[in-house]
Amino acid sequence: MFGISTDISEFLAAEEYMNRMVDRASMYAIRQAGREIRAAARAEVPVLTGRLQKSISNSRNVRSTGAHSFEISVGPHGSPVYLYSGKIEEEHPYMGPARGVIEGRMGDIFEQAQAKVLSRFA
């Protein structure tokens, strides 16, 4: 009778490295999606006031919402626009259609981000 033993520490280190790279690619993809939603929303917003159009931005901070899950906020920011942005959104939707444009492209955005990260850190 004989036994076989192996050291899997290298495998575990490689797996941890790939998990970090997937997380980084996810963060890049979320940021890119935020930029594209911002551009689409700015194009859709009725220019009743230029302040609302200029205030639509995406947050630079990507928040972790769990294991391998991230979120970013995109929308009107700033104290004056909070007073009327909701009312304008109800009358002339601009954030909802902008999000709808990007939802179909999220797979492509993620694949591009993943290729970028893996080529940079491989």
Foldseek 3Di string as FASTA:
>chain_A
DDDDDDDCPVVVVVVVVVQVLLLQLVLQLQQVLLVQLLVQLLVQQDPPDVLQSVQWHKDPDWAAPDRSRIHIDTHGDDPVCVVCVVVSCVVRNRNVVSNVVCVVVSVVSSVVSSVVSVVVPD
